[in-house]
Amino acid sequence: MIIVRGKRHETIDAAAFHALANEHDRVVVDLGAGDGKWALRRARANPRELVVAIEPVAENVRESSSRAARRPDRGGAPNALFVQAAVEALPGALAGMAGELWITLPWGSLMRGIILADRTLLRGIATLLASGARAHVTLNTRIFDDPVPAEAHDLPEVTPAYIQTLADAYERCGLRIVHAEWLDADAVNALGTTWAKRLSHRAPPRSVHIELQRLPDP
C-alpha cells in the first residue's frame, strides 16, 4: 500500500497497517479524498480514529499529507494516512477494515459507478467495509445542469427515487441502501469538504445523500 507523505511515497504492508489500525478504536475511510483536507480535519478532531484518505492522484493530497506529518503540537495528525490508489484497484490490506466510509461529491469513474451500480466498484466499496458498517455517499446533481458535461451525457438523472431502483443491484454486491434523501445547500456545506464549500456558495441544486450498509457475508 502506497502512503503519501508530502513529496515522499512510502510502502507499508498489510501486517504494518493492521498493527496501526489495532492501536485505534476504528478505521474511517474517505474514498476519493480530493485534497485530503476533510480527512486531516477528521483525524485532528478524533485522535482515536485511524482516518484513511484514498486518492488516485498523489499530488492532490501532497499538502494535507505534509501537514499531517508534522508534530501534533504543530497541527500534525499521526492518525491520518493518505493512500494513493485507484478505486478500481483498492489495496487488499484495507479489506473489511472500515468502520465508516465517506464518498463526498465524487467525479469520474467513482461517480459513474455509484450512479450506474457498477458491480466491480460496488463490490470494492463493500470489501472496504466491516460487516454491518455504513457508507455515506453524497452525489452532486449540478452535473445535470446545462451544459451537461461529457462525463454525464449518458447518465440517468439522480434522485432519491432513482437510487431506490438500484436496491437489488446494490444488494447483489453486498450493500443495502438504508435510505436516499435530498440535501439542500446548507447540508452540503456542512459536509466540510473543499468542493462542498465551493458548491454551497454557488447556490447549487439539491444533492442526493445515500446511506449504505455492508451486508453480512452469506
N, C-alpha and C. Protein backbone atom coordinates (compact mmCIF):
# COMPACT_ATOMS: atom_id res chain seq x y z
N MET A 1 0.85 -1.18 0.00
CA MET A 1 0.00 0.00 0.00
C MET A 1 0.89 1.24 0.00
N ILE A 2 0.64 2.16 -0.95
CA ILE A 2 1.48 3.35 -1.09
C ILE A 2 0.92 4.48 -0.23
N ILE A 3 1.75 5.00 0.66
CA ILE A 3 1.38 6.10 1.55
C ILE A 3 2.07 7.37 1.08
N VAL A 4 1.31 8.44 0.95
CA VAL A 4 1.85 9.74 0.54
C VAL A 4 2.14 10.56 1.79
N ARG A 5 3.37 11.05 1.89
CA ARG A 5 3.76 11.96 2.97
C ARG A 5 4.47 13.15 2.35
N GLY A 6 3.69 14.15 1.97
CA GLY A 6 4.26 15.28 1.25
C GLY A 6 4.79 14.84 -0.09
N LYS A 7 6.09 15.12 -0.35
CA LYS A 7 6.69 14.73 -1.62
C LYS A 7 7.20 13.29 -1.60
N ARG A 8 7.18 12.67 -0.43
CA ARG A 8 7.70 11.31 -0.30
C ARG A 8 6.56 10.28 -0.41
N HIS A 9 6.92 9.13 -0.97
CA HIS A 9 6.00 8.00 -1.01
C HIS A 9 6.64 6.85 -0.24
N GLU A 10 5.85 6.20 0.60
CA GLU A 10 6.32 5.05 1.36
C GLU A 10 5.39 3.87 1.09
N THR A 11 5.90 2.70 1.35
CA THR A 11 5.09 1.49 1.19
C THR A 11 4.99 0.77 2.52
N ILE A 12 3.76 0.42 2.90
CA ILE A 12 3.58 -0.41 4.09
C ILE A 12 2.81 -1.66 3.70
N ASP A 13 3.11 -2.76 4.37
CA ASP A 13 2.41 -4.00 4.05
C ASP A 13 1.18 -4.16 4.94
N ALA A 14 0.43 -5.21 4.68
CA ALA A 14 -0.82 -5.43 5.40
C ALA A 14 -0.60 -5.58 6.90
N ALA A 15 0.47 -6.28 7.28
CA ALA A 15 0.73 -6.50 8.70
C ALA A 15 0.97 -5.18 9.43
N ALA A 16 1.75 -4.29 8.80
CA ALA A 16 2.04 -3.00 9.42
C ALA A 16 0.78 -2.15 9.52
N PHE A 17 -0.05 -2.19 8.47
CA PHE A 17 -1.28 -1.42 8.52
C PHE A 17 -2.23 -1.95 9.59
N HIS A 18 -2.39 -3.25 9.67
CA HIS A 18 -3.29 -3.83 10.67
C HIS A 18 -2.80 -3.54 12.09
N ALA A 19 -1.50 -3.54 12.29
CA ALA A 19 -0.96 -3.19 13.61
C ALA A 19 -1.30 -1.75 13.96
N LEU A 20 -1.18 -0.86 12.99
CA LEU A 20 -1.53 0.54 13.22
C LEU A 20 -3.03 0.67 13.50
N ALA A 21 -3.84 -0.01 12.74
CA ALA A 21 -5.30 0.06 12.94
C ALA A 21 -5.68 -0.44 14.33
N ASN A 22 -4.99 -1.46 14.81
CA ASN A 22 -5.31 -2.02 16.12
C ASN A 22 -4.99 -1.07 17.27
N GLU A 23 -4.21 -0.04 16.99
CA GLU A 23 -3.91 0.97 18.01
C GLU A 23 -5.01 2.01 18.13
N HIS A 24 -6.02 1.93 17.25
CA HIS A 24 -7.10 2.92 17.22
C HIS A 24 -8.44 2.24 17.44
N ASP A 25 -9.44 3.05 17.76
CA ASP A 25 -10.76 2.50 18.04
C ASP A 25 -11.46 2.01 16.79
N ARG A 26 -11.25 2.69 15.68
CA ARG A 26 -11.84 2.24 14.42
C ARG A 26 -11.15 2.94 13.26
N VAL A 27 -11.43 2.43 12.05
CA VAL A 27 -10.88 2.99 10.82
C VAL A 27 -12.00 3.71 10.08
N VAL A 28 -11.73 4.95 9.68
CA VAL A 28 -12.65 5.75 8.87
C VAL A 28 -11.99 5.98 7.52
N VAL A 29 -12.70 5.65 6.44
CA VAL A 29 -12.14 5.78 5.10
C VAL A 29 -12.84 6.91 4.35
N ASP A 30 -12.04 7.77 3.72
CA ASP A 30 -12.53 8.82 2.82
C ASP A 30 -12.12 8.41 1.41
N LEU A 31 -13.06 7.89 0.65
CA LEU A 31 -12.77 7.35 -0.68
C LEU A 31 -12.97 8.43 -1.73
N GLY A 32 -11.93 8.66 -2.55
CA GLY A 32 -11.95 9.79 -3.47
C GLY A 32 -11.74 11.07 -2.70
N ALA A 33 -10.63 11.14 -1.97
CA ALA A 33 -10.43 12.16 -0.94
C ALA A 33 -10.14 13.56 -1.47
N GLY A 34 -9.87 13.71 -2.76
CA GLY A 34 -9.59 15.05 -3.29
C GLY A 34 -8.34 15.63 -2.67
N ASP A 35 -8.45 16.83 -2.08
CA ASP A 35 -7.26 17.46 -1.49
C ASP A 35 -6.93 16.94 -0.09
N GLY A 36 -7.76 16.05 0.44
CA GLY A 36 -7.46 15.43 1.73
C GLY A 36 -7.71 16.29 2.95
N LYS A 37 -8.24 17.50 2.77
CA LYS A 37 -8.42 18.39 3.92
C LYS A 37 -9.49 17.88 4.88
N TRP A 38 -10.54 17.28 4.34
CA TRP A 38 -11.58 16.73 5.22
C TRP A 38 -10.99 15.64 6.10
N ALA A 39 -10.20 14.74 5.50
CA ALA A 39 -9.60 13.64 6.26
C ALA A 39 -8.67 14.17 7.34
N LEU A 40 -7.91 15.21 7.03
CA LEU A 40 -6.99 15.77 8.00
C LEU A 40 -7.76 16.38 9.18
N ARG A 41 -8.82 17.12 8.89
CA ARG A 41 -9.62 17.70 9.97
C ARG A 41 -10.27 16.61 10.82
N ARG A 42 -10.77 15.58 10.17
CA ARG A 42 -11.40 14.48 10.91
C ARG A 42 -10.38 13.81 11.83
N ALA A 43 -9.18 13.59 11.34
CA ALA A 43 -8.15 12.95 12.15
C ALA A 43 -7.74 13.82 13.34
N ARG A 44 -7.60 15.11 13.11
CA ARG A 44 -7.24 16.02 14.21
C ARG A 44 -8.32 16.02 15.29
N ALA A 45 -9.59 15.98 14.88
CA ALA A 45 -10.69 16.06 15.83
C ALA A 45 -10.97 14.74 16.54
N ASN A 46 -10.47 13.63 15.96
CA ASN A 46 -10.77 12.30 16.51
C ASN A 46 -9.50 11.46 16.58
N PRO A 47 -8.63 11.73 17.53
CA PRO A 47 -7.33 11.05 17.57
C PRO A 47 -7.42 9.55 17.80
N ARG A 48 -8.57 9.05 18.26
CA ARG A 48 -8.70 7.61 18.47
C ARG A 48 -9.13 6.89 17.19
N GLU A 49 -9.41 7.63 16.14
CA GLU A 49 -9.74 7.04 14.84
C GLU A 49 -8.50 7.03 13.95
N LEU A 50 -8.37 6.00 13.13
CA LEU A 50 -7.38 6.00 12.06
C LEU A 50 -8.12 6.40 10.80
N VAL A 51 -7.80 7.57 10.27
CA VAL A 51 -8.51 8.12 9.11
C VAL A 51 -7.67 7.86 7.86
N VAL A 52 -8.24 7.14 6.93
CA VAL A 52 -7.53 6.74 5.72
C VAL A 52 -8.15 7.45 4.52
N ALA A 53 -7.40 8.35 3.91
CA ALA A 53 -7.85 9.07 2.73
C ALA A 53 -7.30 8.36 1.49
N ILE A 54 -8.18 7.94 0.61
CA ILE A 54 -7.77 7.23 -0.60
C ILE A 54 -7.99 8.14 -1.81
N GLU A 55 -6.91 8.39 -2.54
CA GLU A 55 -6.97 9.32 -3.67
C GLU A 55 -5.99 8.82 -4.75
N PRO A 56 -6.45 8.72 -6.01
CA PRO A 56 -5.56 8.18 -7.05
C PRO A 56 -4.42 9.12 -7.46
N VAL A 57 -4.60 10.43 -7.26
CA VAL A 57 -3.59 11.40 -7.69
C VAL A 57 -2.83 11.89 -6.46
N ALA A 58 -1.60 11.44 -6.31
CA ALA A 58 -0.82 11.77 -5.11
C ALA A 58 -0.64 13.27 -4.93
N GLU A 59 -0.49 14.00 -6.03
CA GLU A 59 -0.29 15.44 -5.95
C GLU A 59 -1.45 16.13 -5.23
N ASN A 60 -2.66 15.59 -5.38
CA ASN A 60 -3.83 16.22 -4.76
C ASN A 60 -3.74 16.27 -3.24
N VAL A 61 -3.11 15.25 -2.64
CA VAL A 61 -3.06 15.17 -1.18
C VAL A 61 -1.70 15.54 -0.63
N ARG A 62 -0.82 16.06 -1.47
CA ARG A 62 0.54 16.37 -1.01
C ARG A 62 0.53 17.34 0.16
N GLU A 63 -0.24 18.43 0.06
CA GLU A 63 -0.23 19.44 1.11
C GLU A 63 -0.81 18.89 2.41
N SER A 64 -1.96 18.23 2.33
CA SER A 64 -2.59 17.70 3.55
C SER A 64 -1.73 16.63 4.19
N SER A 65 -1.13 15.77 3.39
CA SER A 65 -0.29 14.71 3.96
C SER A 65 0.96 15.29 4.60
N SER A 66 1.48 16.37 4.02
CA SER A 66 2.64 17.03 4.62
C SER A 66 2.28 17.63 5.97
N ARG A 67 1.12 18.25 6.06
CA ARG A 67 0.68 18.83 7.33
C ARG A 67 0.44 17.74 8.37
N ALA A 68 -0.11 16.63 7.94
CA ALA A 68 -0.37 15.52 8.87
C ALA A 68 0.92 14.98 9.46
N ALA A 69 2.02 15.07 8.70
CA ALA A 69 3.29 14.52 9.15
C ALA A 69 4.01 15.40 10.17
N ARG A 70 3.49 16.62 10.42
CA ARG A 70 4.10 17.49 11.43
C ARG A 70 3.86 16.93 12.83
N ARG A 71 4.57 17.51 13.80
CA ARG A 71 4.31 17.15 15.19
C ARG A 71 2.88 17.55 15.56
N PRO A 72 2.23 16.80 16.43
CA PRO A 72 0.85 17.14 16.82
C PRO A 72 0.70 18.56 17.34
N ASP A 73 1.72 19.08 18.07
CA ASP A 73 1.59 20.44 18.59
C ASP A 73 1.72 21.50 17.51
N ARG A 74 2.04 21.07 16.30
CA ARG A 74 2.10 21.99 15.16
C ARG A 74 1.03 21.67 14.13
N GLY A 75 -0.01 20.97 14.57
CA GLY A 75 -1.13 20.67 13.68
C GLY A 75 -1.04 19.33 12.99
N GLY A 76 -0.05 18.52 13.33
CA GLY A 76 0.09 17.20 12.71
C GLY A 76 -0.99 16.24 13.19
N ALA A 77 -1.14 15.15 12.45
CA ALA A 77 -2.13 14.12 12.79
C ALA A 77 -1.54 12.76 12.44
N PRO A 78 -0.86 12.12 13.39
CA PRO A 78 -0.26 10.82 13.09
C PRO A 78 -1.28 9.74 12.78
N ASN A 79 -2.55 10.00 13.09
CA ASN A 79 -3.62 9.04 12.81
C ASN A 79 -4.27 9.25 11.45
N ALA A 80 -3.66 10.05 10.58
CA ALA A 80 -4.16 10.25 9.22
C ALA A 80 -3.21 9.59 8.23
N LEU A 81 -3.75 8.76 7.37
CA LEU A 81 -2.97 8.12 6.31
C LEU A 81 -3.53 8.53 4.96
N PHE A 82 -2.65 8.84 4.04
CA PHE A 82 -3.06 9.26 2.70
C PHE A 82 -2.55 8.20 1.72
N VAL A 83 -3.48 7.45 1.17
CA VAL A 83 -3.16 6.29 0.34
C VAL A 83 -3.38 6.63 -1.13
N GLN A 84 -2.35 6.40 -1.93
CA GLN A 84 -2.50 6.58 -3.36
C GLN A 84 -3.02 5.27 -3.95
N ALA A 85 -4.26 5.31 -4.45
CA ALA A 85 -4.84 4.10 -5.04
C ALA A 85 -6.05 4.49 -5.87
N ALA A 86 -6.26 3.77 -6.96
CA ALA A 86 -7.44 3.96 -7.78
C ALA A 86 -8.60 3.18 -7.18
N VAL A 87 -9.79 3.67 -7.42
CA VAL A 87 -10.98 2.98 -6.93
C VAL A 87 -11.06 1.57 -7.51
N GLU A 88 -10.55 1.41 -8.72
CA GLU A 88 -10.61 0.11 -9.38
C GLU A 88 -9.56 -0.86 -8.87
N ALA A 89 -8.62 -0.40 -8.05
CA ALA A 89 -7.54 -1.26 -7.56
C ALA A 89 -7.23 -0.91 -6.11
N LEU A 90 -8.19 -1.15 -5.23
CA LEU A 90 -8.04 -0.79 -3.83
C LEU A 90 -7.09 -1.77 -3.12
N PRO A 91 -6.28 -1.29 -2.20
CA PRO A 91 -5.32 -2.16 -1.51
C PRO A 91 -6.03 -3.26 -0.72
N GLY A 92 -5.54 -4.48 -0.88
CA GLY A 92 -6.13 -5.60 -0.16
C GLY A 92 -6.02 -5.48 1.34
N ALA A 93 -5.01 -4.74 1.81
CA ALA A 93 -4.83 -4.56 3.25
C ALA A 93 -6.01 -3.87 3.91
N LEU A 94 -6.81 -3.13 3.12
CA LEU A 94 -7.94 -2.39 3.67
C LEU A 94 -9.22 -3.21 3.74
N ALA A 95 -9.20 -4.42 3.23
CA ALA A 95 -10.42 -5.22 3.16
C ALA A 95 -11.02 -5.45 4.55
N GLY A 96 -12.29 -5.08 4.69
CA GLY A 96 -13.02 -5.30 5.93
C GLY A 96 -12.61 -4.41 7.08
N MET A 97 -11.84 -3.37 6.82
CA MET A 97 -11.28 -2.56 7.90
C MET A 97 -12.11 -1.32 8.24
N ALA A 98 -12.90 -0.82 7.32
CA ALA A 98 -13.59 0.46 7.52
C ALA A 98 -14.82 0.30 8.41
N GLY A 99 -14.81 0.98 9.54
CA GLY A 99 -16.00 1.03 10.38
C GLY A 99 -16.95 2.11 9.91
N GLU A 100 -16.46 3.00 9.05
CA GLU A 100 -17.26 4.08 8.48
C GLU A 100 -16.56 4.51 7.20
N LEU A 101 -17.35 4.82 6.17
CA LEU A 101 -16.77 5.20 4.88
C LEU A 101 -17.54 6.38 4.31
N TRP A 102 -16.81 7.33 3.73
CA TRP A 102 -17.40 8.53 3.15
C TRP A 102 -16.99 8.67 1.70
N ILE A 103 -17.97 8.98 0.84
CA ILE A 103 -17.72 9.35 -0.55
C ILE A 103 -18.49 10.63 -0.78
N THR A 104 -17.80 11.74 -0.92
CA THR A 104 -18.45 13.05 -0.94
C THR A 104 -18.24 13.74 -2.28
N LEU A 105 -19.34 13.93 -3.01
CA LEU A 105 -19.33 14.62 -4.30
C LEU A 105 -18.28 14.05 -5.25
N PRO A 106 -18.37 12.75 -5.52
CA PRO A 106 -17.36 12.11 -6.39
C PRO A 106 -17.51 12.56 -7.84
N TRP A 107 -16.46 12.27 -8.61
CA TRP A 107 -16.43 12.58 -10.04
C TRP A 107 -15.81 11.40 -10.75
N GLY A 108 -15.87 11.39 -12.06
CA GLY A 108 -15.21 10.36 -12.84
C GLY A 108 -15.80 8.98 -12.62
N SER A 109 -14.94 7.97 -12.63
CA SER A 109 -15.40 6.59 -12.55
C SER A 109 -16.09 6.27 -11.23
N LEU A 110 -15.70 6.95 -10.16
CA LEU A 110 -16.35 6.72 -8.87
C LEU A 110 -17.81 7.19 -8.92
N MET A 111 -18.04 8.38 -9.46
CA MET A 111 -19.41 8.89 -9.60
C MET A 111 -20.23 7.99 -10.52
N ARG A 112 -19.69 7.65 -11.66
CA ARG A 112 -20.43 6.85 -12.62
C ARG A 112 -20.76 5.47 -12.05
N GLY A 113 -19.80 4.89 -11.36
CA GLY A 113 -20.03 3.55 -10.81
C GLY A 113 -21.15 3.52 -9.80
N ILE A 114 -21.24 4.56 -8.98
CA ILE A 114 -22.31 4.64 -7.99
C ILE A 114 -23.66 4.83 -8.67
N ILE A 115 -23.72 5.72 -9.65
CA ILE A 115 -24.99 6.02 -10.33
C ILE A 115 -25.47 4.85 -11.18
N LEU A 116 -24.54 4.14 -11.78
CA LEU A 116 -24.90 3.04 -12.67
C LEU A 116 -24.84 1.68 -11.99
N ALA A 117 -24.57 1.67 -10.69
CA ALA A 117 -24.48 0.41 -9.92
C ALA A 117 -23.48 -0.54 -10.55
N ASP A 118 -22.30 -0.02 -10.86
CA ASP A 118 -21.25 -0.85 -11.44
C ASP A 118 -20.82 -1.93 -10.45
N ARG A 119 -20.88 -3.16 -10.89
CA ARG A 119 -20.66 -4.29 -9.98
C ARG A 119 -19.25 -4.28 -9.39
N THR A 120 -18.25 -4.02 -10.20
CA THR A 120 -16.88 -4.04 -9.70
C THR A 120 -16.66 -2.97 -8.65
N LEU A 121 -17.15 -1.75 -8.93
CA LEU A 121 -16.96 -0.66 -7.98
C LEU A 121 -17.72 -0.91 -6.68
N LEU A 122 -18.98 -1.34 -6.78
CA LEU A 122 -19.77 -1.57 -5.57
C LEU A 122 -19.18 -2.68 -4.72
N ARG A 123 -18.68 -3.70 -5.35
CA ARG A 123 -18.05 -4.78 -4.58
C ARG A 123 -16.77 -4.29 -3.91
N GLY A 124 -16.07 -3.36 -4.58
CA GLY A 124 -14.89 -2.76 -3.96
C GLY A 124 -15.25 -1.98 -2.72
N ILE A 125 -16.33 -1.19 -2.79
CA ILE A 125 -16.79 -0.45 -1.62
C ILE A 125 -17.18 -1.41 -0.51
N ALA A 126 -17.94 -2.45 -0.86
CA ALA A 126 -18.37 -3.43 0.14
C ALA A 126 -17.17 -4.12 0.79
N THR A 127 -16.15 -4.38 -0.01
CA THR A 127 -14.96 -5.06 0.52
C THR A 127 -14.25 -4.20 1.56
N LEU A 128 -14.26 -2.88 1.39
CA LEU A 128 -13.60 -2.00 2.36
C LEU A 128 -14.30 -2.01 3.72
N LEU A 129 -15.61 -2.20 3.72
CA LEU A 129 -16.40 -2.07 4.94
C LEU A 129 -16.37 -3.32 5.80
N ALA A 130 -16.33 -3.12 7.11
CA ALA A 130 -16.56 -4.22 8.04
C ALA A 130 -18.02 -4.63 7.94
N SER A 131 -18.34 -5.85 8.31
CA SER A 131 -19.72 -6.32 8.27
C SER A 131 -20.60 -5.42 9.13
N GLY A 132 -21.70 -4.94 8.53
CA GLY A 132 -22.62 -4.08 9.25
C GLY A 132 -22.25 -2.62 9.25
N ALA A 133 -21.04 -2.27 8.81
CA ALA A 133 -20.61 -0.87 8.80
C ALA A 133 -21.32 -0.11 7.69
N ARG A 134 -21.32 1.22 7.81
CA ARG A 134 -22.09 2.05 6.89
C ARG A 134 -21.20 2.98 6.07
N ALA A 135 -21.70 3.27 4.88
CA ALA A 135 -21.05 4.22 3.98
C ALA A 135 -22.00 5.38 3.72
N HIS A 136 -21.44 6.59 3.65
CA HIS A 136 -22.22 7.80 3.41
C HIS A 136 -21.78 8.39 2.07
N VAL A 137 -22.70 8.45 1.13
CA VAL A 137 -22.39 8.90 -0.23
C VAL A 137 -23.22 10.13 -0.56
N THR A 138 -22.58 11.18 -1.05
CA THR A 138 -23.30 12.39 -1.48
C THR A 138 -22.99 12.65 -2.94
N LEU A 139 -24.04 12.73 -3.77
CA LEU A 139 -23.89 12.95 -5.20
C LEU A 139 -24.39 14.35 -5.56
N ASN A 140 -23.61 15.04 -6.37
CA ASN A 140 -23.93 16.40 -6.79
C ASN A 140 -24.82 16.36 -8.03
N THR A 141 -26.04 16.90 -7.95
CA THR A 141 -26.93 16.89 -9.11
C THR A 141 -26.68 18.04 -10.07
N ARG A 142 -25.71 18.92 -9.77
CA ARG A 142 -25.37 20.00 -10.70
C ARG A 142 -24.88 19.46 -12.03
N ILE A 143 -24.40 18.23 -12.04
CA ILE A 143 -23.88 17.66 -13.29
C ILE A 143 -24.96 17.59 -14.37
N PHE A 144 -26.23 17.67 -13.98
CA PHE A 144 -27.31 17.59 -14.96
C PHE A 144 -27.80 18.96 -15.41
N ASP A 145 -27.16 20.03 -14.93
CA ASP A 145 -27.47 21.37 -15.41
C ASP A 145 -26.88 21.56 -16.81
N ASP A 146 -27.53 22.36 -17.63
CA ASP A 146 -26.96 22.70 -18.94
C ASP A 146 -25.80 23.67 -18.77
N PRO A 147 -24.69 23.50 -19.51
CA PRO A 147 -24.45 22.37 -20.40
C PRO A 147 -23.98 21.14 -19.62
N VAL A 148 -24.55 20.01 -19.94
CA VAL A 148 -24.19 18.77 -19.25
C VAL A 148 -22.80 18.34 -19.71
N PRO A 149 -21.87 18.09 -18.75
CA PRO A 149 -20.52 17.68 -19.15
C PRO A 149 -20.54 16.32 -19.85
N ALA A 150 -19.51 16.08 -20.64
CA ALA A 150 -19.44 14.85 -21.42
C ALA A 150 -19.53 13.61 -20.54
N GLU A 151 -18.94 13.70 -19.33
CA GLU A 151 -18.93 12.54 -18.43
C GLU A 151 -20.32 12.13 -17.97
N ALA A 152 -21.31 13.05 -18.13
CA ALA A 152 -22.65 12.78 -17.60
C ALA A 152 -23.72 12.66 -18.67
N HIS A 153 -23.32 12.74 -19.95
CA HIS A 153 -24.31 12.74 -21.02
C HIS A 153 -25.19 11.49 -21.00
N ASP A 154 -24.63 10.35 -20.68
CA ASP A 154 -25.39 9.10 -20.76
C ASP A 154 -25.92 8.64 -19.41
N LEU A 155 -25.83 9.50 -18.39
CA LEU A 155 -26.24 9.09 -17.05
C LEU A 155 -27.71 9.43 -16.80
N PRO A 156 -28.41 8.56 -16.08
CA PRO A 156 -29.78 8.91 -15.68
C PRO A 156 -29.75 10.00 -14.62
N GLU A 157 -30.80 10.81 -14.58
CA GLU A 157 -30.86 11.87 -13.58
C GLU A 157 -30.97 11.27 -12.19
N VAL A 158 -30.16 11.78 -11.28
CA VAL A 158 -30.10 11.21 -9.93
C VAL A 158 -31.14 11.87 -9.03
N THR A 159 -32.01 11.05 -8.48
CA THR A 159 -32.99 11.47 -7.47
C THR A 159 -33.03 10.37 -6.42
N PRO A 160 -33.56 10.63 -5.22
CA PRO A 160 -33.72 9.56 -4.25
C PRO A 160 -34.54 8.40 -4.79
N ALA A 161 -35.57 8.70 -5.57
CA ALA A 161 -36.40 7.64 -6.14
C ALA A 161 -35.59 6.77 -7.10
N TYR A 162 -34.74 7.41 -7.92
CA TYR A 162 -33.91 6.63 -8.83
C TYR A 162 -32.96 5.72 -8.06
N ILE A 163 -32.34 6.24 -7.03
CA ILE A 163 -31.40 5.44 -6.25
C ILE A 163 -32.09 4.19 -5.70
N GLN A 164 -33.32 4.33 -5.27
CA GLN A 164 -34.04 3.17 -4.72
C GLN A 164 -34.26 2.09 -5.77
N THR A 165 -34.31 2.46 -7.04
CA THR A 165 -34.47 1.44 -8.09
C THR A 165 -33.23 0.56 -8.22
N LEU A 166 -32.12 0.99 -7.63
CA LEU A 166 -30.87 0.23 -7.70
C LEU A 166 -30.70 -0.75 -6.54
N ALA A 167 -31.69 -0.83 -5.66
CA ALA A 167 -31.54 -1.60 -4.42
C ALA A 167 -31.12 -3.03 -4.67
N ASP A 168 -31.75 -3.70 -5.63
CA ASP A 168 -31.41 -5.11 -5.88
C ASP A 168 -29.98 -5.24 -6.39
N ALA A 169 -29.57 -4.34 -7.30
CA ALA A 169 -28.21 -4.39 -7.83
C ALA A 169 -27.18 -4.17 -6.73
N TYR A 170 -27.47 -3.24 -5.83
CA TYR A 170 -26.56 -2.99 -4.72
C TYR A 170 -26.49 -4.20 -3.79
N GLU A 171 -27.63 -4.80 -3.51
CA GLU A 171 -27.63 -5.95 -2.59
C GLU A 171 -26.86 -7.12 -3.17
N ARG A 172 -26.90 -7.29 -4.47
CA ARG A 172 -26.12 -8.36 -5.09
C ARG A 172 -24.62 -8.13 -4.91
N CYS A 173 -24.24 -6.90 -4.62
CA CYS A 173 -22.83 -6.57 -4.40
C CYS A 173 -22.49 -6.45 -2.92
N GLY A 174 -23.45 -6.81 -2.05
CA GLY A 174 -23.18 -6.82 -0.61
C GLY A 174 -23.50 -5.54 0.12
N LEU A 175 -24.29 -4.65 -0.52
CA LEU A 175 -24.60 -3.36 0.09
C LEU A 175 -26.12 -3.16 0.13
N ARG A 176 -26.63 -2.76 1.29
CA ARG A 176 -28.04 -2.42 1.41
C ARG A 176 -28.20 -0.92 1.40
N ILE A 177 -29.15 -0.42 0.60
CA ILE A 177 -29.47 1.01 0.61
C ILE A 177 -30.38 1.27 1.80
N VAL A 178 -29.84 1.90 2.84
CA VAL A 178 -30.61 2.18 4.05
C VAL A 178 -31.62 3.28 3.76
N HIS A 179 -31.16 4.35 3.13
CA HIS A 179 -32.06 5.40 2.68
C HIS A 179 -31.34 6.30 1.68
N ALA A 180 -32.14 7.03 0.91
CA ALA A 180 -31.63 8.04 -0.02
C ALA A 180 -32.51 9.27 0.14
N GLU A 181 -31.89 10.44 0.25
CA GLU A 181 -32.66 11.65 0.51
C GLU A 181 -31.99 12.85 -0.12
N TRP A 182 -32.78 13.93 -0.28
CA TRP A 182 -32.23 15.18 -0.77
C TRP A 182 -31.45 15.89 0.34
N LEU A 183 -30.40 16.59 -0.07
CA LEU A 183 -29.68 17.50 0.82
C LEU A 183 -29.73 18.89 0.20
N ASP A 184 -30.05 19.91 1.02
CA ASP A 184 -30.04 21.26 0.49
C ASP A 184 -28.63 21.84 0.58
N ALA A 185 -28.47 23.07 0.10
CA ALA A 185 -27.13 23.67 0.02
C ALA A 185 -26.47 23.79 1.38
N ASP A 186 -27.25 24.11 2.41
CA ASP A 186 -26.67 24.23 3.76
C ASP A 186 -26.13 22.89 4.24
N ALA A 187 -26.86 21.81 3.95
CA ALA A 187 -26.41 20.49 4.37
C ALA A 187 -25.17 20.06 3.59
N VAL A 188 -25.10 20.44 2.33
CA VAL A 188 -23.90 20.14 1.54
C VAL A 188 -22.70 20.88 2.10
N ASN A 189 -22.87 22.15 2.43
CA ASN A 189 -21.79 22.93 3.02
C ASN A 189 -21.30 22.31 4.31
N ALA A 190 -22.23 21.76 5.10
CA ALA A 190 -21.87 21.17 6.39
C ALA A 190 -21.03 19.91 6.24
N LEU A 191 -20.98 19.34 5.04
CA LEU A 191 -20.14 18.15 4.84
C LEU A 191 -18.67 18.48 5.05
N GLY A 192 -18.29 19.73 4.80
CA GLY A 192 -16.96 20.19 5.19
C GLY A 192 -15.84 19.94 4.21
N THR A 193 -16.11 19.37 3.03
CA THR A 193 -15.03 19.22 2.06
C THR A 193 -14.83 20.52 1.30
N THR A 194 -13.68 20.66 0.68
CA THR A 194 -13.39 21.86 -0.10
C THR A 194 -14.41 22.05 -1.21
N TRP A 195 -14.70 20.97 -1.94
CA TRP A 195 -15.63 21.07 -3.05
C TRP A 195 -17.04 21.36 -2.57
N ALA A 196 -17.44 20.78 -1.44
CA ALA A 196 -18.77 21.06 -0.90
C ALA A 196 -18.93 22.53 -0.56
N LYS A 197 -17.89 23.13 0.01
CA LYS A 197 -17.95 24.55 0.36
C LYS A 197 -18.05 25.42 -0.90
N ARG A 198 -17.33 25.04 -1.94
CA ARG A 198 -17.41 25.81 -3.18
C ARG A 198 -18.81 25.73 -3.78
N LEU A 199 -19.36 24.54 -3.80
CA LEU A 199 -20.69 24.37 -4.37
C LEU A 199 -21.75 25.12 -3.58
N SER A 200 -21.64 25.10 -2.27
CA SER A 200 -22.67 25.73 -1.44
C SER A 200 -22.72 27.24 -1.63
N HIS A 201 -21.61 27.83 -2.09
CA HIS A 201 -21.60 29.27 -2.33
C HIS A 201 -22.11 29.61 -3.73
N ARG A 202 -22.39 28.58 -4.51
CA ARG A 202 -22.88 28.82 -5.87
C ARG A 202 -24.36 28.49 -6.00
N ALA A 203 -25.06 28.39 -4.88
CA ALA A 203 -26.50 28.07 -4.88
C ALA A 203 -26.79 26.85 -5.73
N PRO A 204 -26.20 25.70 -5.39
CA PRO A 204 -26.38 24.51 -6.22
C PRO A 204 -27.77 23.92 -6.05
N PRO A 205 -28.18 23.08 -6.98
CA PRO A 205 -29.40 22.31 -6.76
C PRO A 205 -29.17 21.36 -5.60
N ARG A 206 -30.23 20.80 -5.11
CA ARG A 206 -30.08 19.85 -4.02
C ARG A 206 -29.24 18.66 -4.45
N SER A 207 -28.47 18.12 -3.51
CA SER A 207 -27.70 16.92 -3.77
C SER A 207 -28.42 15.73 -3.15
N VAL A 208 -27.99 14.56 -3.52
CA VAL A 208 -28.61 13.33 -3.01
C VAL A 208 -27.63 12.63 -2.08
N HIS A 209 -28.11 12.34 -0.88
CA HIS A 209 -27.31 11.61 0.09
C HIS A 209 -27.83 10.17 0.19
N ILE A 210 -26.90 9.24 0.15
CA ILE A 210 -27.25 7.81 0.22
C ILE A 210 -26.52 7.21 1.40
N GLU A 211 -27.22 6.47 2.21
CA GLU A 211 -26.58 5.72 3.28
C GLU A 211 -26.65 4.23 2.94
N LEU A 212 -25.49 3.60 2.97
CA LEU A 212 -25.37 2.18 2.64
C LEU A 212 -24.89 1.40 3.84
N GLN A 213 -25.23 0.12 3.87
CA GLN A 213 -24.75 -0.76 4.94
C GLN A 213 -24.21 -2.04 4.33
N ARG A 214 -23.04 -2.45 4.79
CA ARG A 214 -22.46 -3.72 4.34
C ARG A 214 -23.25 -4.87 4.90
N LEU A 215 -23.72 -5.73 4.02
CA LEU A 215 -24.48 -6.91 4.44
C LEU A 215 -23.53 -7.98 4.95
N PRO A 216 -24.00 -8.81 5.88
CA PRO A 216 -23.15 -9.91 6.34
C PRO A 216 -22.85 -10.87 5.20
N ASP A 217 -21.70 -11.48 5.24
CA ASP A 217 -21.38 -12.48 4.22
C ASP A 217 -22.33 -13.66 4.34
N PRO A 218 -22.76 -14.21 3.21
CA PRO A 218 -23.69 -15.36 3.27
C PRO A 218 -23.04 -16.57 3.90
